[in-house]
Amino acid sequence: MAGTMRLDKFLKVSRLIKRRTVAKEVAEKGRISVNGVVAKPGTNVKVEDELVIKFGQKTVTARIDRLEENARKEVATEMYTILKEERKDEE
């Protein structure tokens, strides 16, 4: 098991974001933070790190539980725990 992994790769492998190119774009727009710090696509993440991802109207807070180089769909959800999910409703 790896000690660290690039943020964009973690998001893809864990399926928090399905495609790495999308993960990269979201990170480049400053919509992802790791432990309270805005992260770039190449930021290294490790177990216990806390991610906050803002997708459109939704903000998801997740903790990294494990890192896998390649994870099957069934295993992917074991890589993180969703701590909080909030929706912002536009009026």
N, C-alpha and C. Protein backbone atom coordinates (compact mmCIF):
# COMPACT_ATOMS: atom_id res chain seq x y z
N MET A 1 0.84 -1.20 0.00
CA MET A 1 0.00 0.00 0.00
C MET A 1 0.87 1.24 0.00
N ALA A 2 0.56 2.18 -0.84
CA ALA A 2 1.36 3.40 -0.97
C ALA A 2 1.19 4.30 0.25
N GLY A 3 2.23 5.10 0.53
CA GLY A 3 2.16 6.04 1.65
C GLY A 3 1.39 7.30 1.26
N THR A 4 1.61 7.75 0.03
CA THR A 4 0.89 8.93 -0.47
C THR A 4 0.45 8.69 -1.90
N MET A 5 -0.46 9.51 -2.36
CA MET A 5 -0.98 9.41 -3.73
C MET A 5 -1.38 10.80 -4.18
N ARG A 6 -1.25 11.05 -5.47
CA ARG A 6 -1.71 12.34 -6.01
C ARG A 6 -3.21 12.48 -5.78
N LEU A 7 -3.63 13.68 -5.44
CA LEU A 7 -5.04 13.95 -5.19
C LEU A 7 -5.92 13.55 -6.37
N ASP A 8 -5.55 13.97 -7.60
CA ASP A 8 -6.41 13.66 -8.76
C ASP A 8 -6.54 12.15 -8.96
N LYS A 9 -5.45 11.42 -8.72
CA LYS A 9 -5.51 9.97 -8.88
C LYS A 9 -6.38 9.34 -7.79
N PHE A 10 -6.23 9.81 -6.54
CA PHE A 10 -7.06 9.27 -5.46
C PHE A 10 -8.55 9.45 -5.78
N LEU A 11 -8.91 10.64 -6.24
CA LEU A 11 -10.32 10.92 -6.53
C LEU A 11 -10.86 9.99 -7.61
N LYS A 12 -10.02 9.69 -8.61
CA LYS A 12 -10.44 8.79 -9.68
C LYS A 12 -10.53 7.35 -9.18
N VAL A 13 -9.47 6.85 -8.55
CA VAL A 13 -9.45 5.46 -8.10
C VAL A 13 -10.56 5.19 -7.07
N SER A 14 -10.80 6.16 -6.18
CA SER A 14 -11.84 5.99 -5.15
C SER A 14 -13.24 6.22 -5.72
N ARG A 15 -13.28 6.75 -6.95
CA ARG A 15 -14.53 7.08 -7.63
C ARG A 15 -15.32 8.19 -6.95
N LEU A 16 -14.66 8.99 -6.12
CA LEU A 16 -15.32 10.19 -5.59
C LEU A 16 -15.61 11.13 -6.77
N ILE A 17 -14.66 11.14 -7.72
CA ILE A 17 -14.88 11.82 -9.00
C ILE A 17 -14.50 10.78 -10.05
N LYS A 18 -15.40 10.51 -10.98
CA LYS A 18 -15.22 9.38 -11.89
C LYS A 18 -14.01 9.48 -12.83
N ARG A 19 -13.71 10.69 -13.30
CA ARG A 19 -12.62 10.81 -14.28
C ARG A 19 -11.52 11.72 -13.76
N ARG A 20 -10.28 11.32 -14.02
CA ARG A 20 -9.14 12.08 -13.53
C ARG A 20 -9.10 13.48 -14.12
N THR A 21 -9.51 13.62 -15.39
CA THR A 21 -9.49 14.96 -16.00
C THR A 21 -10.46 15.88 -15.27
N VAL A 22 -11.61 15.34 -14.85
CA VAL A 22 -12.59 16.14 -14.11
C VAL A 22 -12.03 16.48 -12.74
N ALA A 23 -11.40 15.51 -12.07
CA ALA A 23 -10.80 15.73 -10.76
C ALA A 23 -9.76 16.85 -10.85
N LYS A 24 -9.00 16.82 -11.92
CA LYS A 24 -7.95 17.82 -12.14
C LYS A 24 -8.56 19.21 -12.31
N GLU A 25 -9.62 19.30 -13.13
CA GLU A 25 -10.29 20.58 -13.34
C GLU A 25 -10.87 21.15 -12.06
N VAL A 26 -11.54 20.30 -11.28
CA VAL A 26 -12.16 20.74 -10.03
C VAL A 26 -11.08 21.27 -9.08
N ALA A 27 -9.95 20.55 -8.99
CA ALA A 27 -8.85 20.98 -8.13
C ALA A 27 -8.24 22.29 -8.63
N GLU A 28 -8.07 22.42 -9.95
CA GLU A 28 -7.47 23.64 -10.51
C GLU A 28 -8.34 24.86 -10.25
N LYS A 29 -9.66 24.64 -10.10
CA LYS A 29 -10.56 25.76 -9.82
C LYS A 29 -10.60 26.09 -8.33
N GLY A 30 -9.78 25.40 -7.54
CA GLY A 30 -9.72 25.68 -6.10
C GLY A 30 -10.90 25.17 -5.31
N ARG A 31 -11.56 24.15 -5.82
CA ARG A 31 -12.76 23.64 -5.15
C ARG A 31 -12.51 22.44 -4.25
N ILE A 32 -11.24 22.07 -4.08
CA ILE A 32 -10.92 20.94 -3.21
C ILE A 32 -9.91 21.40 -2.18
N SER A 33 -10.16 21.07 -0.92
CA SER A 33 -9.14 21.36 0.09
C SER A 33 -8.80 20.07 0.83
N VAL A 34 -7.54 19.98 1.23
CA VAL A 34 -7.04 18.84 1.99
C VAL A 34 -6.61 19.39 3.34
N ASN A 35 -7.24 18.91 4.40
CA ASN A 35 -6.94 19.38 5.75
C ASN A 35 -7.02 20.90 5.85
N GLY A 36 -8.02 21.47 5.21
CA GLY A 36 -8.25 22.91 5.30
C GLY A 36 -7.42 23.78 4.37
N VAL A 37 -6.56 23.17 3.56
CA VAL A 37 -5.71 23.93 2.63
C VAL A 37 -6.14 23.64 1.20
N VAL A 38 -6.36 24.69 0.40
CA VAL A 38 -6.78 24.49 -1.00
C VAL A 38 -5.70 23.66 -1.69
N ALA A 39 -6.12 22.61 -2.39
CA ALA A 39 -5.18 21.66 -2.97
C ALA A 39 -5.13 21.73 -4.49
N LYS A 40 -3.97 21.41 -5.03
CA LYS A 40 -3.77 21.31 -6.48
C LYS A 40 -3.92 19.82 -6.87
N PRO A 41 -4.10 19.54 -8.18
CA PRO A 41 -4.26 18.14 -8.61
C PRO A 41 -3.09 17.25 -8.18
N GLY A 42 -1.90 17.80 -8.12
CA GLY A 42 -0.71 17.01 -7.78
C GLY A 42 -0.41 16.94 -6.29
N THR A 43 -1.25 17.53 -5.47
CA THR A 43 -1.05 17.49 -4.01
C THR A 43 -1.07 16.03 -3.56
N ASN A 44 -0.10 15.65 -2.73
CA ASN A 44 -0.08 14.28 -2.23
C ASN A 44 -1.01 14.16 -1.04
N VAL A 45 -1.85 13.11 -1.07
CA VAL A 45 -2.75 12.84 0.04
C VAL A 45 -2.35 11.53 0.70
N LYS A 46 -2.72 11.40 1.97
CA LYS A 46 -2.40 10.18 2.72
C LYS A 46 -3.58 9.78 3.58
N VAL A 47 -3.51 8.59 4.16
CA VAL A 47 -4.57 8.09 5.03
C VAL A 47 -4.77 9.08 6.18
N GLU A 48 -6.03 9.28 6.57
CA GLU A 48 -6.45 10.21 7.63
C GLU A 48 -6.61 11.65 7.15
N ASP A 49 -6.19 11.96 5.93
CA ASP A 49 -6.40 13.32 5.42
C ASP A 49 -7.90 13.56 5.24
N GLU A 50 -8.31 14.80 5.43
CA GLU A 50 -9.71 15.15 5.26
C GLU A 50 -9.86 16.02 4.01
N LEU A 51 -10.74 15.59 3.11
CA LEU A 51 -10.97 16.32 1.86
C LEU A 51 -12.31 17.03 1.93
N VAL A 52 -12.35 18.24 1.41
CA VAL A 52 -13.62 18.94 1.22
C VAL A 52 -13.70 19.24 -0.26
N ILE A 53 -14.72 18.68 -0.92
CA ILE A 53 -14.88 18.82 -2.36
C ILE A 53 -16.18 19.56 -2.64
N LYS A 54 -16.07 20.64 -3.42
CA LYS A 54 -17.28 21.39 -3.78
C LYS A 54 -17.62 21.11 -5.23
N PHE A 55 -18.76 20.42 -5.44
CA PHE A 55 -19.24 20.18 -6.81
C PHE A 55 -20.51 20.99 -6.93
N GLY A 56 -20.56 21.96 -7.79
CA GLY A 56 -21.79 22.71 -8.00
C GLY A 56 -22.50 23.06 -6.71
N GLN A 57 -23.68 22.46 -6.50
CA GLN A 57 -24.49 22.78 -5.32
C GLN A 57 -24.16 21.90 -4.12
N LYS A 58 -23.23 20.97 -4.28
CA LYS A 58 -22.97 20.01 -3.22
C LYS A 58 -21.56 20.15 -2.66
N THR A 59 -21.44 20.04 -1.34
CA THR A 59 -20.13 20.03 -0.70
C THR A 59 -20.01 18.73 0.07
N VAL A 60 -18.96 17.97 -0.24
CA VAL A 60 -18.76 16.67 0.40
C VAL A 60 -17.47 16.72 1.22
N THR A 61 -17.56 16.29 2.47
CA THR A 61 -16.38 16.18 3.32
C THR A 61 -16.12 14.69 3.51
N ALA A 62 -14.90 14.26 3.19
CA ALA A 62 -14.57 12.84 3.28
C ALA A 62 -13.21 12.65 3.94
N ARG A 63 -13.06 11.54 4.66
CA ARG A 63 -11.77 11.19 5.25
C ARG A 63 -11.19 10.03 4.46
N ILE A 64 -9.90 10.10 4.16
CA ILE A 64 -9.23 9.01 3.42
C ILE A 64 -8.92 7.89 4.41
N ASP A 65 -9.42 6.69 4.10
CA ASP A 65 -9.19 5.53 4.97
C ASP A 65 -8.08 4.62 4.46
N ARG A 66 -7.92 4.57 3.16
CA ARG A 66 -6.83 3.77 2.60
C ARG A 66 -6.53 4.21 1.18
N LEU A 67 -5.32 3.90 0.75
CA LEU A 67 -4.90 4.23 -0.61
C LEU A 67 -4.67 2.94 -1.37
N GLU A 68 -5.21 2.89 -2.56
CA GLU A 68 -5.03 1.73 -3.44
C GLU A 68 -4.61 2.25 -4.80
N GLU A 69 -3.65 1.60 -5.43
CA GLU A 69 -3.24 2.02 -6.77
C GLU A 69 -4.37 1.83 -7.78
N ASN A 70 -5.02 0.68 -7.70
CA ASN A 70 -6.16 0.37 -8.56
C ASN A 70 -7.19 -0.30 -7.68
N ALA A 71 -8.41 0.18 -7.73
CA ALA A 71 -9.44 -0.43 -6.90
C ALA A 71 -10.63 -0.78 -7.77
N ARG A 72 -11.15 -1.98 -7.56
CA ARG A 72 -12.39 -2.35 -8.23
C ARG A 72 -13.51 -1.53 -7.62
N LYS A 73 -14.59 -1.43 -8.34
CA LYS A 73 -15.75 -0.65 -7.91
C LYS A 73 -16.18 -0.99 -6.48
N GLU A 74 -16.22 -2.28 -6.16
CA GLU A 74 -16.69 -2.72 -4.85
C GLU A 74 -15.77 -2.26 -3.73
N VAL A 75 -14.48 -2.17 -4.04
CA VAL A 75 -13.48 -1.82 -3.02
C VAL A 75 -13.32 -0.30 -2.91
N ALA A 76 -13.63 0.40 -3.97
CA ALA A 76 -13.40 1.85 -4.03
C ALA A 76 -14.04 2.61 -2.86
N THR A 77 -15.26 2.23 -2.50
CA THR A 77 -15.93 2.96 -1.43
C THR A 77 -15.30 2.72 -0.06
N GLU A 78 -14.45 1.70 0.06
CA GLU A 78 -13.75 1.44 1.33
C GLU A 78 -12.54 2.36 1.48
N MET A 79 -12.22 3.10 0.43
CA MET A 79 -11.05 3.98 0.49
C MET A 79 -11.31 5.28 1.24
N TYR A 80 -12.57 5.59 1.49
CA TYR A 80 -12.91 6.83 2.19
C TYR A 80 -14.19 6.69 3.00
N THR A 81 -14.39 7.63 3.91
CA THR A 81 -15.63 7.71 4.68
C THR A 81 -16.20 9.10 4.45
N ILE A 82 -17.48 9.16 4.08
CA ILE A 82 -18.13 10.47 3.93
C ILE A 82 -18.48 10.96 5.33
N LEU A 83 -17.94 12.10 5.70
CA LEU A 83 -18.19 12.65 7.03
C LEU A 83 -19.40 13.59 7.00
N LYS A 84 -19.56 14.28 5.88
CA LYS A 84 -20.63 15.26 5.79
C LYS A 84 -20.96 15.51 4.33
N GLU A 85 -22.23 15.73 4.06
CA GLU A 85 -22.66 16.06 2.70
C GLU A 85 -23.68 17.17 2.82
N GLU A 86 -23.40 18.30 2.18
CA GLU A 86 -24.32 19.44 2.27
C GLU A 86 -24.73 19.88 0.89
N ARG A 87 -25.98 20.26 0.77
CA ARG A 87 -26.48 20.82 -0.50
C ARG A 87 -26.77 22.29 -0.30
N LYS A 88 -26.34 23.08 -1.27
CA LYS A 88 -26.69 24.50 -1.24
C LYS A 88 -27.77 24.69 -2.28
N ASP A 89 -28.92 25.13 -1.84
CA ASP A 89 -30.01 25.35 -2.78
C ASP A 89 -30.00 26.79 -3.24
N GLU A 90 -29.90 26.97 -4.53
CA GLU A 90 -29.94 28.32 -5.10
C GLU A 90 -31.38 28.77 -5.13
N GLU A 91 -31.62 29.97 -4.66
CA GLU A 91 -33.00 30.50 -4.68
C GLU A 91 -33.26 31.22 -5.97
